[in-house]
Amino acid sequence: MQNPNDTAQSLRATGHRVTIQRVAVLDAIREMGGHVAVDQVAARVREKHPQMDLATVYRTAGLLSRLHLLNEVSIGGVNHYEYSAPGKRHGHMVCEHCDRAIHASTTHLDELREALLRDTGFELHLEHLTMSGLCQDCRQDEEHSHSGHTHAQTQHHEHSMSPALDRGAGMGSQQ
């Protein structure tokens, strides 16, 4: 477990106030390790702070993720969080069939980030990157692959984009 003063320093370094809620949520996720759902975090936080409700834990985890103190990954349609250890960036690969979350090394992701920045001016934040597909086990199981073939054998899947999506309309805009 990290020293409570270290947690406070991590929060102060983001330019945000240190609050009981922020420290409690960050410490709980770090202590639990791995990818944990908010309801699990709330149960752990309530052991020490019974007055803290689920909505507060959701808001706090979301803020800590935006501050890059937590990594967020959607597994089975549910957001999970993990402590973002300094200097340990990684993306996530989530299997569409079994919901297994696998850490993705930044080796190739850094190349993608640089290419996107150079070609489009878009800066990809790897700590929030989640890619979906099929894990090795599910890919090899014909029952879980598309039409009995694995994605590695697939030539191309054609998907049409709406003109609005093709132009990026509405993406990232504030209403």
N, C-alpha and C. Protein backbone atom coordinates (compact mmCIF):
# COMPACT_ATOMS: atom_id res chain seq x y z
N MET A 1 0.85 -1.18 0.00
CA MET A 1 0.00 0.00 0.00
C MET A 1 0.89 1.24 0.00
N GLN A 2 0.42 2.24 -0.72
CA GLN A 2 1.16 3.50 -0.83
C GLN A 2 0.87 4.35 0.41
N ASN A 3 1.83 5.15 0.79
CA ASN A 3 1.69 6.08 1.88
C ASN A 3 0.58 7.08 1.55
N PRO A 4 -0.32 7.40 2.51
CA PRO A 4 -1.39 8.38 2.25
C PRO A 4 -0.85 9.73 1.79
N ASN A 5 0.34 10.11 2.26
CA ASN A 5 0.93 11.37 1.80
C ASN A 5 1.26 11.31 0.31
N ASP A 6 1.67 10.11 -0.19
CA ASP A 6 1.95 9.94 -1.61
C ASP A 6 0.67 10.11 -2.44
N THR A 7 -0.45 9.59 -1.93
CA THR A 7 -1.73 9.76 -2.61
C THR A 7 -2.08 11.24 -2.69
N ALA A 8 -1.92 11.94 -1.60
CA ALA A 8 -2.21 13.38 -1.58
C ALA A 8 -1.30 14.12 -2.56
N GLN A 9 -0.03 13.74 -2.60
CA GLN A 9 0.90 14.39 -3.54
C GLN A 9 0.50 14.12 -4.98
N SER A 10 0.07 12.89 -5.28
CA SER A 10 -0.38 12.56 -6.64
C SER A 10 -1.55 13.44 -7.04
N LEU A 11 -2.49 13.63 -6.13
CA LEU A 11 -3.65 14.48 -6.41
C LEU A 11 -3.24 15.95 -6.56
N ARG A 12 -2.38 16.43 -5.67
CA ARG A 12 -1.94 17.82 -5.75
C ARG A 12 -1.20 18.10 -7.06
N ALA A 13 -0.46 17.11 -7.54
CA ALA A 13 0.31 17.27 -8.77
C ALA A 13 -0.59 17.52 -9.98
N THR A 14 -1.87 17.12 -9.88
CA THR A 14 -2.81 17.35 -10.97
C THR A 14 -3.42 18.74 -10.90
N GLY A 15 -3.17 19.45 -9.80
CA GLY A 15 -3.74 20.78 -9.63
C GLY A 15 -5.14 20.75 -9.02
N HIS A 16 -5.54 19.59 -8.52
CA HIS A 16 -6.87 19.45 -7.92
C HIS A 16 -6.75 19.30 -6.41
N ARG A 17 -7.85 19.63 -5.73
CA ARG A 17 -7.89 19.52 -4.28
C ARG A 17 -7.79 18.07 -3.84
N VAL A 18 -7.24 17.88 -2.68
CA VAL A 18 -7.20 16.56 -2.05
C VAL A 18 -8.45 16.46 -1.18
N THR A 19 -9.31 15.50 -1.50
CA THR A 19 -10.54 15.30 -0.72
C THR A 19 -10.55 13.87 -0.18
N ILE A 20 -11.36 13.65 0.83
CA ILE A 20 -11.51 12.31 1.41
C ILE A 20 -11.97 11.33 0.34
N GLN A 21 -12.93 11.75 -0.50
CA GLN A 21 -13.46 10.87 -1.53
C GLN A 21 -12.38 10.46 -2.52
N ARG A 22 -11.59 11.40 -2.98
CA ARG A 22 -10.55 11.12 -3.98
C ARG A 22 -9.49 10.20 -3.41
N VAL A 23 -9.06 10.46 -2.20
CA VAL A 23 -8.05 9.61 -1.57
C VAL A 23 -8.62 8.21 -1.35
N ALA A 24 -9.85 8.12 -0.86
CA ALA A 24 -10.46 6.82 -0.56
C ALA A 24 -10.60 5.97 -1.83
N VAL A 25 -11.08 6.57 -2.92
CA VAL A 25 -11.28 5.82 -4.16
C VAL A 25 -9.94 5.42 -4.76
N LEU A 26 -9.00 6.32 -4.81
CA LEU A 26 -7.69 6.01 -5.37
C LEU A 26 -6.99 4.91 -4.57
N ASP A 27 -7.03 5.03 -3.24
CA ASP A 27 -6.40 4.01 -2.40
C ASP A 27 -7.10 2.65 -2.55
N ALA A 28 -8.42 2.65 -2.60
CA ALA A 28 -9.16 1.38 -2.73
C ALA A 28 -8.80 0.67 -4.03
N ILE A 29 -8.76 1.40 -5.12
CA ILE A 29 -8.45 0.78 -6.42
C ILE A 29 -7.01 0.29 -6.44
N ARG A 30 -6.11 1.05 -5.88
CA ARG A 30 -4.71 0.61 -5.82
C ARG A 30 -4.57 -0.65 -4.97
N GLU A 31 -5.25 -0.68 -3.82
CA GLU A 31 -5.18 -1.84 -2.92
C GLU A 31 -5.79 -3.08 -3.55
N MET A 32 -6.89 -2.93 -4.28
CA MET A 32 -7.58 -4.07 -4.87
C MET A 32 -6.78 -4.66 -6.03
N GLY A 33 -6.07 -3.82 -6.75
CA GLY A 33 -5.26 -4.30 -7.88
C GLY A 33 -6.11 -4.77 -9.04
N GLY A 34 -5.54 -4.78 -10.21
CA GLY A 34 -6.24 -5.25 -11.40
C GLY A 34 -7.34 -4.32 -11.85
N HIS A 35 -8.26 -4.87 -12.63
CA HIS A 35 -9.39 -4.11 -13.18
C HIS A 35 -10.60 -4.34 -12.29
N VAL A 36 -11.07 -3.28 -11.64
CA VAL A 36 -12.18 -3.43 -10.70
C VAL A 36 -13.34 -2.54 -11.10
N ALA A 37 -14.54 -3.08 -10.96
CA ALA A 37 -15.77 -2.34 -11.27
C ALA A 37 -16.09 -1.38 -10.12
N VAL A 38 -16.85 -0.35 -10.44
CA VAL A 38 -17.15 0.70 -9.46
C VAL A 38 -17.92 0.14 -8.27
N ASP A 39 -18.81 -0.82 -8.48
CA ASP A 39 -19.54 -1.36 -7.34
C ASP A 39 -18.60 -2.08 -6.37
N GLN A 40 -17.55 -2.71 -6.89
CA GLN A 40 -16.54 -3.34 -6.03
C GLN A 40 -15.77 -2.26 -5.26
N VAL A 41 -15.43 -1.19 -5.95
CA VAL A 41 -14.71 -0.08 -5.31
C VAL A 41 -15.57 0.53 -4.21
N ALA A 42 -16.84 0.74 -4.51
CA ALA A 42 -17.76 1.34 -3.53
C ALA A 42 -17.86 0.47 -2.28
N ALA A 43 -17.94 -0.84 -2.47
CA ALA A 43 -18.01 -1.73 -1.32
C ALA A 43 -16.76 -1.61 -0.46
N ARG A 44 -15.60 -1.52 -1.09
CA ARG A 44 -14.34 -1.40 -0.34
C ARG A 44 -14.28 -0.04 0.36
N VAL A 45 -14.66 1.02 -0.33
CA VAL A 45 -14.61 2.37 0.26
C VAL A 45 -15.56 2.46 1.46
N ARG A 46 -16.73 1.83 1.35
CA ARG A 46 -17.73 1.90 2.43
C ARG A 46 -17.27 1.20 3.70
N GLU A 47 -16.25 0.34 3.61
CA GLU A 47 -15.72 -0.29 4.81
C GLU A 47 -15.15 0.76 5.76
N LYS A 48 -14.56 1.81 5.20
CA LYS A 48 -13.97 2.88 6.02
C LYS A 48 -14.83 4.14 6.04
N HIS A 49 -15.64 4.32 4.98
CA HIS A 49 -16.46 5.53 4.84
C HIS A 49 -17.89 5.11 4.47
N PRO A 50 -18.67 4.61 5.44
CA PRO A 50 -20.01 4.08 5.13
C PRO A 50 -20.97 5.10 4.53
N GLN A 51 -20.70 6.38 4.70
CA GLN A 51 -21.58 7.42 4.18
C GLN A 51 -21.37 7.67 2.69
N MET A 52 -20.30 7.17 2.09
CA MET A 52 -20.00 7.46 0.68
C MET A 52 -20.90 6.63 -0.23
N ASP A 53 -21.66 7.30 -1.08
CA ASP A 53 -22.60 6.59 -1.95
C ASP A 53 -21.98 6.21 -3.29
N LEU A 54 -22.68 5.36 -4.02
CA LEU A 54 -22.19 4.83 -5.29
C LEU A 54 -21.98 5.94 -6.31
N ALA A 55 -22.88 6.92 -6.35
CA ALA A 55 -22.74 8.02 -7.32
C ALA A 55 -21.45 8.80 -7.09
N THR A 56 -21.08 9.01 -5.84
CA THR A 56 -19.84 9.72 -5.53
C THR A 56 -18.64 8.91 -6.01
N VAL A 57 -18.68 7.60 -5.82
CA VAL A 57 -17.58 6.75 -6.26
C VAL A 57 -17.47 6.80 -7.78
N TYR A 58 -18.61 6.74 -8.49
CA TYR A 58 -18.61 6.83 -9.96
C TYR A 58 -17.97 8.15 -10.43
N ARG A 59 -18.44 9.26 -9.87
CA ARG A 59 -17.91 10.57 -10.26
C ARG A 59 -16.43 10.70 -9.95
N THR A 60 -16.04 10.22 -8.80
CA THR A 60 -14.64 10.33 -8.38
C THR A 60 -13.74 9.47 -9.25
N ALA A 61 -14.15 8.24 -9.54
CA ALA A 61 -13.35 7.36 -10.41
C ALA A 61 -13.22 7.98 -11.80
N GLY A 62 -14.28 8.56 -12.31
CA GLY A 62 -14.23 9.22 -13.62
C GLY A 62 -13.25 10.38 -13.62
N LEU A 63 -13.28 11.19 -12.57
CA LEU A 63 -12.35 12.31 -12.47
C LEU A 63 -10.91 11.81 -12.39
N LEU A 64 -10.66 10.82 -11.55
CA LEU A 64 -9.31 10.29 -11.39
C LEU A 64 -8.79 9.67 -12.68
N SER A 65 -9.69 9.15 -13.48
CA SER A 65 -9.31 8.62 -14.80
C SER A 65 -8.92 9.77 -15.73
N ARG A 66 -9.72 10.84 -15.74
CA ARG A 66 -9.39 12.00 -16.59
C ARG A 66 -8.09 12.67 -16.16
N LEU A 67 -7.74 12.53 -14.89
CA LEU A 67 -6.49 13.09 -14.38
C LEU A 67 -5.31 12.13 -14.59
N HIS A 68 -5.57 11.00 -15.23
CA HIS A 68 -4.56 9.98 -15.54
C HIS A 68 -3.97 9.32 -14.30
N LEU A 69 -4.74 9.31 -13.21
CA LEU A 69 -4.32 8.59 -12.01
C LEU A 69 -4.87 7.17 -12.01
N LEU A 70 -5.92 6.95 -12.83
CA LEU A 70 -6.50 5.63 -13.02
C LEU A 70 -6.62 5.36 -14.51
N ASN A 71 -6.51 4.08 -14.88
CA ASN A 71 -6.83 3.65 -16.24
C ASN A 71 -8.26 3.14 -16.23
N GLU A 72 -9.00 3.44 -17.27
CA GLU A 72 -10.39 3.01 -17.39
C GLU A 72 -10.51 2.07 -18.58
N VAL A 73 -11.20 0.95 -18.40
CA VAL A 73 -11.40 0.01 -19.49
C VAL A 73 -12.82 -0.55 -19.36
N SER A 74 -13.52 -0.61 -20.50
CA SER A 74 -14.87 -1.16 -20.51
C SER A 74 -14.77 -2.66 -20.77
N ILE A 75 -15.28 -3.44 -19.85
CA ILE A 75 -15.28 -4.90 -19.96
C ILE A 75 -16.72 -5.35 -19.85
N GLY A 76 -17.23 -5.96 -20.91
CA GLY A 76 -18.63 -6.41 -20.90
C GLY A 76 -19.61 -5.27 -20.73
N GLY A 77 -19.24 -4.09 -21.22
CA GLY A 77 -20.13 -2.93 -21.13
C GLY A 77 -20.09 -2.23 -19.78
N VAL A 78 -19.21 -2.67 -18.89
CA VAL A 78 -19.09 -2.07 -17.56
C VAL A 78 -17.70 -1.46 -17.42
N ASN A 79 -17.64 -0.21 -16.98
CA ASN A 79 -16.34 0.43 -16.79
C ASN A 79 -15.63 -0.17 -15.59
N HIS A 80 -14.38 -0.50 -15.80
CA HIS A 80 -13.50 -0.99 -14.75
C HIS A 80 -12.32 -0.04 -14.65
N TYR A 81 -11.72 0.03 -13.47
CA TYR A 81 -10.61 0.94 -13.24
C TYR A 81 -9.43 0.18 -12.66
N GLU A 82 -8.25 0.68 -12.95
CA GLU A 82 -7.04 0.16 -12.32
C GLU A 82 -6.14 1.34 -12.03
N TYR A 83 -5.32 1.17 -11.01
CA TYR A 83 -4.38 2.20 -10.63
C TYR A 83 -3.38 2.41 -11.77
N SER A 84 -3.11 3.66 -12.08
CA SER A 84 -2.18 4.01 -13.16
C SER A 84 -0.82 4.31 -12.55
N ALA A 85 -0.01 3.27 -12.45
CA ALA A 85 1.33 3.44 -11.87
C ALA A 85 2.15 4.35 -12.77
N PRO A 86 2.80 5.35 -12.21
CA PRO A 86 3.63 6.25 -13.02
C PRO A 86 4.67 5.47 -13.82
N GLY A 87 4.78 5.81 -15.10
CA GLY A 87 5.77 5.16 -15.96
C GLY A 87 5.36 3.79 -16.45
N LYS A 88 4.15 3.35 -16.16
CA LYS A 88 3.69 2.01 -16.56
C LYS A 88 2.48 2.10 -17.50
N ARG A 89 2.60 2.94 -18.54
CA ARG A 89 1.49 3.12 -19.48
C ARG A 89 1.22 1.82 -20.24
N HIS A 90 -0.04 1.61 -20.56
CA HIS A 90 -0.42 0.50 -21.42
C HIS A 90 -1.86 0.70 -21.88
N GLY A 91 -2.18 0.09 -22.99
CA GLY A 91 -3.56 0.07 -23.45
C GLY A 91 -4.19 -1.24 -23.01
N HIS A 92 -5.40 -1.46 -23.47
CA HIS A 92 -6.10 -2.69 -23.12
C HIS A 92 -6.70 -3.32 -24.37
N MET A 93 -6.67 -4.63 -24.40
CA MET A 93 -7.35 -5.41 -25.43
C MET A 93 -8.40 -6.23 -24.69
N VAL A 94 -9.66 -6.09 -25.12
CA VAL A 94 -10.74 -6.79 -24.45
C VAL A 94 -11.39 -7.75 -25.43
N CYS A 95 -11.48 -9.01 -25.04
CA CYS A 95 -12.09 -10.03 -25.90
C CYS A 95 -13.60 -9.81 -25.95
N GLU A 96 -14.13 -9.76 -27.15
CA GLU A 96 -15.57 -9.55 -27.36
C GLU A 96 -16.40 -10.76 -26.94
N HIS A 97 -15.76 -11.90 -26.79
CA HIS A 97 -16.52 -13.09 -26.41
C HIS A 97 -16.44 -13.38 -24.91
N CYS A 98 -15.22 -13.47 -24.38
CA CYS A 98 -15.08 -13.89 -22.98
C CYS A 98 -14.83 -12.71 -22.02
N ASP A 99 -14.72 -11.49 -22.55
CA ASP A 99 -14.51 -10.27 -21.76
C ASP A 99 -13.17 -10.23 -21.03
N ARG A 100 -12.24 -11.06 -21.43
CA ARG A 100 -10.91 -11.04 -20.84
C ARG A 100 -10.22 -9.73 -21.23
N ALA A 101 -9.62 -9.05 -20.25
CA ALA A 101 -8.87 -7.82 -20.50
C ALA A 101 -7.38 -8.14 -20.45
N ILE A 102 -6.67 -7.76 -21.50
CA ILE A 102 -5.26 -8.05 -21.63
C ILE A 102 -4.52 -6.72 -21.78
N HIS A 103 -3.43 -6.55 -21.07
CA HIS A 103 -2.64 -5.33 -21.21
C HIS A 103 -1.94 -5.34 -22.56
N ALA A 104 -1.98 -4.21 -23.23
CA ALA A 104 -1.32 -4.04 -24.53
C ALA A 104 -0.08 -3.18 -24.33
N SER A 105 1.06 -3.69 -24.69
CA SER A 105 2.32 -2.95 -24.59
C SER A 105 2.23 -1.70 -25.45
N THR A 106 2.95 -0.69 -25.04
CA THR A 106 2.92 0.56 -25.81
C THR A 106 3.91 0.55 -26.97
N THR A 107 4.64 -0.53 -27.16
CA THR A 107 5.62 -0.58 -28.25
C THR A 107 4.99 -0.19 -29.58
N HIS A 108 3.96 -0.90 -29.99
CA HIS A 108 3.30 -0.61 -31.26
C HIS A 108 2.34 0.58 -31.13
N LEU A 109 1.79 0.76 -29.94
CA LEU A 109 0.85 1.85 -29.73
C LEU A 109 1.54 3.20 -29.83
N ASP A 110 2.78 3.29 -29.41
CA ASP A 110 3.52 4.55 -29.55
C ASP A 110 3.70 4.90 -31.02
N GLU A 111 3.95 3.87 -31.85
CA GLU A 111 4.08 4.10 -33.29
C GLU A 111 2.76 4.62 -33.86
N LEU A 112 1.66 4.02 -33.43
CA LEU A 112 0.34 4.47 -33.88
C LEU A 112 0.08 5.91 -33.42
N ARG A 113 0.40 6.21 -32.17
CA ARG A 113 0.19 7.56 -31.63
C ARG A 113 0.96 8.59 -32.45
N GLU A 114 2.22 8.29 -32.75
CA GLU A 114 3.05 9.21 -33.54
C GLU A 114 2.52 9.38 -34.95
N ALA A 115 2.07 8.28 -35.59
CA ALA A 115 1.54 8.36 -36.94
C ALA A 115 0.25 9.18 -36.98
N LEU A 116 -0.63 8.98 -36.00
CA LEU A 116 -1.87 9.77 -35.94
C LEU A 116 -1.57 11.24 -35.72
N LEU A 117 -0.63 11.53 -34.84
CA LEU A 117 -0.28 12.92 -34.57
C LEU A 117 0.29 13.58 -35.83
N ARG A 118 1.18 12.88 -36.50
CA ARG A 118 1.81 13.40 -37.71
C ARG A 118 0.78 13.58 -38.84
N ASP A 119 -0.07 12.56 -39.06
CA ASP A 119 -0.97 12.57 -40.21
C ASP A 119 -2.26 13.37 -39.99
N THR A 120 -2.75 13.41 -38.76
CA THR A 120 -4.05 14.04 -38.53
C THR A 120 -4.03 15.15 -37.48
N GLY A 121 -2.93 15.24 -36.71
CA GLY A 121 -2.88 16.21 -35.63
C GLY A 121 -3.59 15.74 -34.38
N PHE A 122 -4.11 14.50 -34.39
CA PHE A 122 -4.84 13.95 -33.25
C PHE A 122 -3.86 13.29 -32.30
N GLU A 123 -3.92 13.67 -31.02
CA GLU A 123 -3.04 13.08 -30.01
C GLU A 123 -3.80 11.99 -29.27
N LEU A 124 -3.39 10.76 -29.48
CA LEU A 124 -4.01 9.59 -28.86
C LEU A 124 -3.48 9.43 -27.45
N HIS A 125 -4.38 9.34 -26.47
CA HIS A 125 -4.00 9.10 -25.08
C HIS A 125 -4.05 7.60 -24.84
N LEU A 126 -2.90 6.99 -24.79
CA LEU A 126 -2.80 5.53 -24.69
C LEU A 126 -3.35 4.98 -23.38
N GLU A 127 -3.31 5.76 -22.32
CA GLU A 127 -3.78 5.25 -21.04
C GLU A 127 -5.29 5.02 -21.03
N HIS A 128 -5.99 5.50 -22.04
CA HIS A 128 -7.43 5.28 -22.12
C HIS A 128 -7.81 4.43 -23.34
N LEU A 129 -6.82 3.87 -24.00
CA LEU A 129 -7.09 3.12 -25.23
C LEU A 129 -7.54 1.71 -24.91
N THR A 130 -8.70 1.34 -25.43
CA THR A 130 -9.22 -0.02 -25.31
C THR A 130 -9.56 -0.51 -26.71
N MET A 131 -8.97 -1.63 -27.07
CA MET A 131 -9.23 -2.24 -28.38
C MET A 131 -10.04 -3.50 -28.14
N SER A 132 -10.98 -3.76 -29.03
CA SER A 132 -11.78 -4.98 -28.88
C SER A 132 -11.48 -5.94 -30.02
N GLY A 133 -11.69 -7.18 -29.75
CA GLY A 133 -11.44 -8.24 -30.73
C GLY A 133 -11.63 -9.57 -30.04
N LEU A 134 -10.91 -10.57 -30.51
CA LEU A 134 -11.00 -11.89 -29.91
C LEU A 134 -9.64 -12.29 -29.37
N CYS A 135 -9.61 -12.82 -28.15
CA CYS A 135 -8.36 -13.29 -27.57
C CYS A 135 -7.92 -14.56 -28.30
N GLN A 136 -6.72 -14.98 -28.05
CA GLN A 136 -6.17 -16.14 -28.75
C GLN A 136 -7.04 -17.38 -28.56
N ASP A 137 -7.49 -17.63 -27.34
CA ASP A 137 -8.31 -18.82 -27.09
C ASP A 137 -9.64 -18.77 -27.85
N CYS A 138 -10.33 -17.64 -27.80
CA CYS A 138 -11.63 -17.52 -28.47
C CYS A 138 -11.45 -17.49 -29.99
N ARG A 139 -10.38 -16.91 -30.47
CA ARG A 139 -10.11 -16.86 -31.90
C ARG A 139 -9.93 -18.25 -32.48
N GLN A 140 -9.35 -19.15 -31.72
CA GLN A 140 -9.11 -20.50 -32.20
C GLN A 140 -10.33 -21.40 -32.09
N ASP A 141 -11.32 -20.97 -31.35
CA ASP A 141 -12.54 -21.75 -31.18
C ASP A 141 -13.52 -21.35 -32.28
N GLU A 142 -13.77 -22.26 -33.24
CA GLU A 142 -14.61 -21.94 -34.39
C GLU A 142 -16.00 -21.49 -34.00
N GLU A 143 -16.48 -21.95 -32.85
CA GLU A 143 -17.81 -21.56 -32.41
C GLU A 143 -17.89 -20.06 -32.13
N HIS A 144 -16.78 -19.45 -31.76
CA HIS A 144 -16.77 -18.04 -31.41
C HIS A 144 -16.29 -17.13 -32.53
N SER A 145 -15.70 -17.72 -33.57
CA SER A 145 -15.23 -16.91 -34.68
C SER A 145 -16.38 -16.67 -35.64
N HIS A 146 -16.23 -15.69 -36.51
CA HIS A 146 -17.28 -15.36 -37.48
C HIS A 146 -17.30 -16.40 -38.59
N SER A 147 -18.41 -17.04 -38.83
CA SER A 147 -18.61 -17.99 -39.93
C SER A 147 -17.55 -19.09 -39.97
N GLY A 148 -17.06 -19.49 -38.80
CA GLY A 148 -16.12 -20.58 -38.75
C GLY A 148 -14.69 -20.21 -39.13
N HIS A 149 -14.42 -18.93 -39.41
CA HIS A 149 -13.04 -18.53 -39.71
C HIS A 149 -12.55 -17.61 -38.60
N THR A 150 -11.26 -17.57 -38.42
CA THR A 150 -10.71 -16.68 -37.41
C THR A 150 -10.43 -15.33 -38.06
N HIS A 151 -10.30 -14.33 -37.25
CA HIS A 151 -10.03 -12.99 -37.78
C HIS A 151 -8.68 -12.94 -38.47
N ALA A 152 -7.75 -13.77 -38.05
CA ALA A 152 -6.44 -13.78 -38.69
C ALA A 152 -6.55 -14.27 -40.13
N GLN A 153 -7.59 -15.06 -40.44
CA GLN A 153 -7.76 -15.59 -41.78
C GLN A 153 -8.62 -14.68 -42.66
N THR A 154 -9.27 -13.69 -42.05
CA THR A 154 -10.18 -12.82 -42.77
C THR A 154 -9.41 -11.88 -43.69
N GLN A 155 -9.89 -11.75 -44.93
CA GLN A 155 -9.26 -10.83 -45.87
C GLN A 155 -9.67 -9.40 -45.52
N HIS A 156 -10.93 -9.08 -45.64
CA HIS A 156 -11.43 -7.74 -45.33
C HIS A 156 -12.89 -7.84 -44.95
N HIS A 157 -13.29 -7.04 -43.99
CA HIS A 157 -14.70 -6.86 -43.67
C HIS A 157 -15.04 -5.44 -44.09
N GLU A 158 -15.95 -5.30 -45.03
CA GLU A 158 -16.33 -3.98 -45.51
C GLU A 158 -17.41 -3.40 -44.59
N HIS A 159 -17.18 -2.22 -44.11
CA HIS A 159 -18.16 -1.52 -43.28
C HIS A 159 -18.33 -0.13 -43.87
N SER A 160 -19.55 0.25 -44.12
CA SER A 160 -19.76 1.59 -44.64
C SER A 160 -19.93 2.55 -43.47
N MET A 161 -19.44 3.74 -43.66
CA MET A 161 -19.58 4.79 -42.65
C MET A 161 -20.59 5.80 -43.14
N SER A 162 -21.31 6.35 -42.19
CA SER A 162 -22.20 7.43 -42.59
C SER A 162 -21.33 8.64 -42.90
N PRO A 163 -21.77 9.51 -43.80
CA PRO A 163 -20.97 10.70 -44.12
C PRO A 163 -20.63 11.53 -42.89
N ALA A 164 -21.56 11.61 -41.94
CA ALA A 164 -21.31 12.42 -40.74
C ALA A 164 -20.16 11.82 -39.93
N LEU A 165 -20.15 10.49 -39.78
CA LEU A 165 -19.08 9.85 -39.03
C LEU A 165 -17.77 9.93 -39.78
N ASP A 166 -17.83 9.82 -41.11
CA ASP A 166 -16.62 9.87 -41.93
C ASP A 166 -15.91 11.21 -41.76
N ARG A 167 -16.69 12.27 -41.60
CA ARG A 167 -16.11 13.60 -41.42
C ARG A 167 -15.73 13.87 -39.97
N GLY A 168 -16.16 12.96 -39.06
CA GLY A 168 -15.86 13.18 -37.64
C GLY A 168 -16.81 14.16 -37.01
N ALA A 169 -17.97 14.38 -37.64
CA ALA A 169 -18.93 15.36 -37.13
C ALA A 169 -19.35 14.99 -35.73
N GLY A 170 -19.32 15.95 -34.86
CA GLY A 170 -19.80 15.79 -33.51
C GLY A 170 -18.83 15.09 -32.58
N MET A 171 -17.76 14.57 -33.08
CA MET A 171 -16.85 13.86 -32.21
C MET A 171 -16.00 14.85 -31.43
N GLY A 172 -16.11 14.75 -30.11
CA GLY A 172 -15.32 15.61 -29.25
C GLY A 172 -15.88 17.02 -29.11
N SER A 173 -17.01 17.29 -29.72
CA SER A 173 -17.54 18.65 -29.61
C SER A 173 -18.38 18.78 -28.36
N GLN A 174 -18.40 19.94 -27.81
CA GLN A 174 -19.20 20.24 -26.63
C GLN A 174 -20.49 20.90 -27.10
N GLN A 175 -21.60 20.47 -26.59
CA GLN A 175 -22.89 21.06 -26.96
C GLN A 175 -23.25 22.15 -26.00
